[in-house]
Amino acid sequence: MTITINIPKTAEQCAALLEHIQSGEEILLAQGGIAIARVVPISLPTQPRIPGQDKGKVAIASDFNAPLPENILNDFVRF
């Protein structure tokens, strides 16, 4: 569910708005009835990262750090 609130009312309702956000709702901040910003809860990772879980799945080319060919370098803007 999305809640729309005009900016002047946000200060007086800040604690209540934070509770809505923590429960998963998003808040639209409006100025003169026009939405100008969206406040959404941060989604936390569902499972912890495990070091080494992709071992053997990634290969780095031996020339990975070699200079790019001239025809590719020419596509970049030089200052």
N, C-alpha and C. Protein backbone atom coordinates (compact mmCIF):
# COMPACT_ATOMS: atom_id res chain seq x y z
N MET A 1 0.84 -1.18 0.00
CA MET A 1 0.00 0.00 0.00
C MET A 1 0.89 1.24 0.00
N THR A 2 0.48 2.27 -0.70
CA THR A 2 1.22 3.52 -0.76
C THR A 2 0.42 4.61 -0.06
N ILE A 3 1.11 5.38 0.76
CA ILE A 3 0.49 6.51 1.45
C ILE A 3 1.04 7.77 0.82
N THR A 4 0.16 8.72 0.48
CA THR A 4 0.61 10.01 -0.04
C THR A 4 0.36 11.06 1.03
N ILE A 5 1.38 11.87 1.30
CA ILE A 5 1.27 12.90 2.34
C ILE A 5 1.92 14.17 1.85
N ASN A 6 1.29 15.31 2.13
CA ASN A 6 1.86 16.60 1.76
C ASN A 6 2.99 16.95 2.72
N ILE A 7 4.04 17.56 2.21
CA ILE A 7 5.25 17.83 2.97
C ILE A 7 5.00 18.57 4.29
N PRO A 8 4.16 19.62 4.35
CA PRO A 8 3.98 20.30 5.64
C PRO A 8 3.51 19.38 6.77
N LYS A 9 2.83 18.29 6.44
CA LYS A 9 2.33 17.39 7.49
C LYS A 9 3.34 16.32 7.89
N THR A 10 4.46 16.19 7.16
CA THR A 10 5.40 15.12 7.46
C THR A 10 6.07 15.29 8.82
N ALA A 11 6.40 16.52 9.19
CA ALA A 11 7.09 16.75 10.47
C ALA A 11 6.23 16.31 11.65
N GLU A 12 4.95 16.63 11.59
CA GLU A 12 4.09 16.28 12.72
C GLU A 12 3.73 14.80 12.75
N GLN A 13 3.90 14.10 11.65
CA GLN A 13 3.54 12.68 11.58
C GLN A 13 4.75 11.77 11.38
N CYS A 14 5.94 12.27 11.63
CA CYS A 14 7.17 11.54 11.33
C CYS A 14 7.20 10.15 11.98
N ALA A 15 6.92 10.05 13.27
CA ALA A 15 7.00 8.76 13.96
C ALA A 15 6.02 7.76 13.36
N ALA A 16 4.81 8.20 13.07
CA ALA A 16 3.80 7.31 12.50
C ALA A 16 4.22 6.86 11.10
N LEU A 17 4.80 7.79 10.32
CA LEU A 17 5.24 7.44 8.97
C LEU A 17 6.36 6.40 9.02
N LEU A 18 7.29 6.55 9.96
CA LEU A 18 8.38 5.57 10.10
C LEU A 18 7.84 4.18 10.44
N GLU A 19 6.79 4.14 11.24
CA GLU A 19 6.18 2.84 11.56
C GLU A 19 5.60 2.20 10.30
N HIS A 20 4.96 2.99 9.45
CA HIS A 20 4.42 2.47 8.20
C HIS A 20 5.54 1.94 7.30
N ILE A 21 6.63 2.69 7.22
CA ILE A 21 7.76 2.29 6.38
C ILE A 21 8.36 0.98 6.91
N GLN A 22 8.52 0.88 8.23
CA GLN A 22 9.09 -0.33 8.82
C GLN A 22 8.20 -1.55 8.60
N SER A 23 6.90 -1.32 8.41
CA SER A 23 6.01 -2.45 8.16
C SER A 23 5.94 -2.81 6.68
N GLY A 24 6.74 -2.11 5.84
CA GLY A 24 6.83 -2.47 4.43
C GLY A 24 6.10 -1.55 3.48
N GLU A 25 5.42 -0.54 3.98
CA GLU A 25 4.69 0.38 3.11
C GLU A 25 5.63 1.43 2.54
N GLU A 26 5.24 2.03 1.42
CA GLU A 26 6.01 3.14 0.88
C GLU A 26 5.21 4.42 1.07
N ILE A 27 5.94 5.52 1.21
CA ILE A 27 5.33 6.83 1.43
C ILE A 27 5.69 7.73 0.25
N LEU A 28 4.69 8.39 -0.32
CA LEU A 28 4.94 9.39 -1.34
C LEU A 28 4.85 10.75 -0.69
N LEU A 29 5.89 11.56 -0.84
CA LEU A 29 5.88 12.92 -0.33
C LEU A 29 5.40 13.82 -1.46
N ALA A 30 4.42 14.67 -1.15
CA ALA A 30 3.83 15.51 -2.18
C ALA A 30 3.94 16.97 -1.79
N GLN A 31 4.01 17.80 -2.80
CA GLN A 31 4.04 19.24 -2.60
C GLN A 31 2.95 19.81 -3.50
N GLY A 32 1.96 20.44 -2.89
CA GLY A 32 0.83 20.94 -3.66
C GLY A 32 0.05 19.83 -4.33
N GLY A 33 0.02 18.66 -3.72
CA GLY A 33 -0.71 17.54 -4.27
C GLY A 33 0.03 16.77 -5.34
N ILE A 34 1.26 17.17 -5.67
CA ILE A 34 2.05 16.49 -6.71
C ILE A 34 3.18 15.73 -6.03
N ALA A 35 3.24 14.43 -6.29
CA ALA A 35 4.28 13.59 -5.69
C ALA A 35 5.66 14.02 -6.18
N ILE A 36 6.59 14.21 -5.23
CA ILE A 36 7.95 14.61 -5.60
C ILE A 36 9.01 13.64 -5.08
N ALA A 37 8.65 12.75 -4.17
CA ALA A 37 9.64 11.81 -3.63
C ALA A 37 8.92 10.57 -3.12
N ARG A 38 9.66 9.46 -3.10
CA ARG A 38 9.14 8.21 -2.59
C ARG A 38 10.08 7.72 -1.50
N VAL A 39 9.52 7.37 -0.36
CA VAL A 39 10.30 6.81 0.74
C VAL A 39 9.89 5.34 0.86
N VAL A 40 10.86 4.46 0.68
CA VAL A 40 10.57 3.02 0.72
C VAL A 40 11.47 2.34 1.74
N PRO A 41 11.01 1.23 2.29
CA PRO A 41 11.87 0.51 3.24
C PRO A 41 13.06 -0.10 2.51
N ILE A 42 14.17 -0.19 3.20
CA ILE A 42 15.36 -0.84 2.65
C ILE A 42 15.15 -2.34 2.78
N SER A 43 15.33 -3.04 1.67
CA SER A 43 15.18 -4.50 1.74
C SER A 43 16.52 -5.09 2.15
N LEU A 44 16.48 -5.86 3.19
CA LEU A 44 17.69 -6.50 3.70
C LEU A 44 17.92 -7.82 2.99
N PRO A 45 19.17 -8.24 2.86
CA PRO A 45 19.44 -9.53 2.22
C PRO A 45 18.70 -10.65 2.96
N THR A 46 18.18 -11.60 2.21
CA THR A 46 17.41 -12.67 2.84
C THR A 46 18.30 -13.73 3.49
N GLN A 47 19.54 -13.83 3.04
CA GLN A 47 20.46 -14.79 3.65
C GLN A 47 21.85 -14.18 3.72
N PRO A 48 22.62 -14.58 4.70
CA PRO A 48 23.96 -14.00 4.84
C PRO A 48 24.87 -14.44 3.69
N ARG A 49 25.83 -13.57 3.37
CA ARG A 49 26.82 -13.92 2.35
C ARG A 49 27.77 -14.96 2.93
N ILE A 50 28.11 -15.92 2.10
CA ILE A 50 29.02 -16.98 2.53
C ILE A 50 30.29 -16.86 1.69
N PRO A 51 31.42 -16.52 2.33
CA PRO A 51 32.67 -16.40 1.57
C PRO A 51 33.01 -17.70 0.86
N GLY A 52 33.39 -17.58 -0.41
CA GLY A 52 33.82 -18.73 -1.18
C GLY A 52 32.71 -19.55 -1.80
N GLN A 53 31.46 -19.11 -1.69
CA GLN A 53 30.35 -19.93 -2.21
C GLN A 53 30.36 -20.05 -3.74
N ASP A 54 31.05 -19.15 -4.43
CA ASP A 54 31.12 -19.22 -5.88
C ASP A 54 32.49 -19.70 -6.37
N LYS A 55 33.26 -20.28 -5.48
CA LYS A 55 34.59 -20.75 -5.86
C LYS A 55 34.49 -21.76 -7.00
N GLY A 56 35.31 -21.54 -8.03
CA GLY A 56 35.30 -22.43 -9.18
C GLY A 56 34.27 -22.05 -10.24
N LYS A 57 33.41 -21.07 -9.97
CA LYS A 57 32.39 -20.67 -10.92
C LYS A 57 32.80 -19.44 -11.73
N VAL A 58 33.85 -18.76 -11.29
CA VAL A 58 34.28 -17.53 -11.95
C VAL A 58 35.68 -17.72 -12.49
N ALA A 59 35.88 -17.31 -13.75
CA ALA A 59 37.21 -17.40 -14.35
C ALA A 59 37.63 -16.01 -14.82
N ILE A 60 38.84 -15.62 -14.51
CA ILE A 60 39.37 -14.33 -14.93
C ILE A 60 40.39 -14.59 -16.02
N ALA A 61 40.17 -13.95 -17.17
CA ALA A 61 41.07 -14.15 -18.31
C ALA A 61 42.48 -13.69 -17.97
N SER A 62 43.46 -14.36 -18.54
CA SER A 62 44.86 -14.03 -18.25
C SER A 62 45.22 -12.63 -18.75
N ASP A 63 44.54 -12.15 -19.78
CA ASP A 63 44.82 -10.80 -20.31
C ASP A 63 43.82 -9.76 -19.80
N PHE A 64 43.17 -10.04 -18.71
CA PHE A 64 42.13 -9.17 -18.16
C PHE A 64 42.64 -7.74 -17.92
N ASN A 65 43.88 -7.58 -17.56
CA ASN A 65 44.44 -6.27 -17.23
C ASN A 65 45.26 -5.68 -18.38
N ALA A 66 45.19 -6.30 -19.55
CA ALA A 66 45.96 -5.82 -20.71
C ALA A 66 45.31 -4.55 -21.27
N PRO A 67 46.10 -3.70 -21.91
CA PRO A 67 45.53 -2.50 -22.53
C PRO A 67 44.47 -2.87 -23.58
N LEU A 68 43.47 -2.01 -23.71
CA LEU A 68 42.42 -2.23 -24.71
C LEU A 68 42.96 -1.97 -26.11
N PRO A 69 42.40 -2.64 -27.11
CA PRO A 69 42.82 -2.37 -28.49
C PRO A 69 42.50 -0.92 -28.87
N GLU A 70 43.27 -0.40 -29.80
CA GLU A 70 43.15 1.01 -30.22
C GLU A 70 41.74 1.34 -30.72
N ASN A 71 41.11 0.42 -31.47
CA ASN A 71 39.77 0.70 -32.01
C ASN A 71 38.73 0.86 -30.90
N ILE A 72 38.90 0.18 -29.79
CA ILE A 72 37.98 0.36 -28.65
C ILE A 72 38.32 1.64 -27.91
N LEU A 73 39.59 1.92 -27.70
CA LEU A 73 39.99 3.15 -27.01
C LEU A 73 39.49 4.39 -27.74
N ASN A 74 39.42 4.33 -29.06
CA ASN A 74 38.96 5.47 -29.84
C ASN A 74 37.49 5.80 -29.61
N ASP A 75 36.72 4.86 -29.06
CA ASP A 75 35.30 5.11 -28.77
C ASP A 75 35.13 5.94 -27.50
N PHE A 76 36.14 6.07 -26.69
CA PHE A 76 36.07 6.84 -25.46
C PHE A 76 36.47 8.29 -25.72
N VAL A 77 35.83 9.20 -25.00
CA VAL A 77 36.16 10.62 -25.14
C VAL A 77 37.45 10.89 -24.38
N ARG A 78 38.36 11.57 -25.04
CA ARG A 78 39.62 11.94 -24.37
C ARG A 78 39.63 13.43 -24.12
N PHE A 79 40.10 13.81 -22.95
CA PHE A 79 40.15 15.23 -22.57
C PHE A 79 41.55 15.74 -22.68
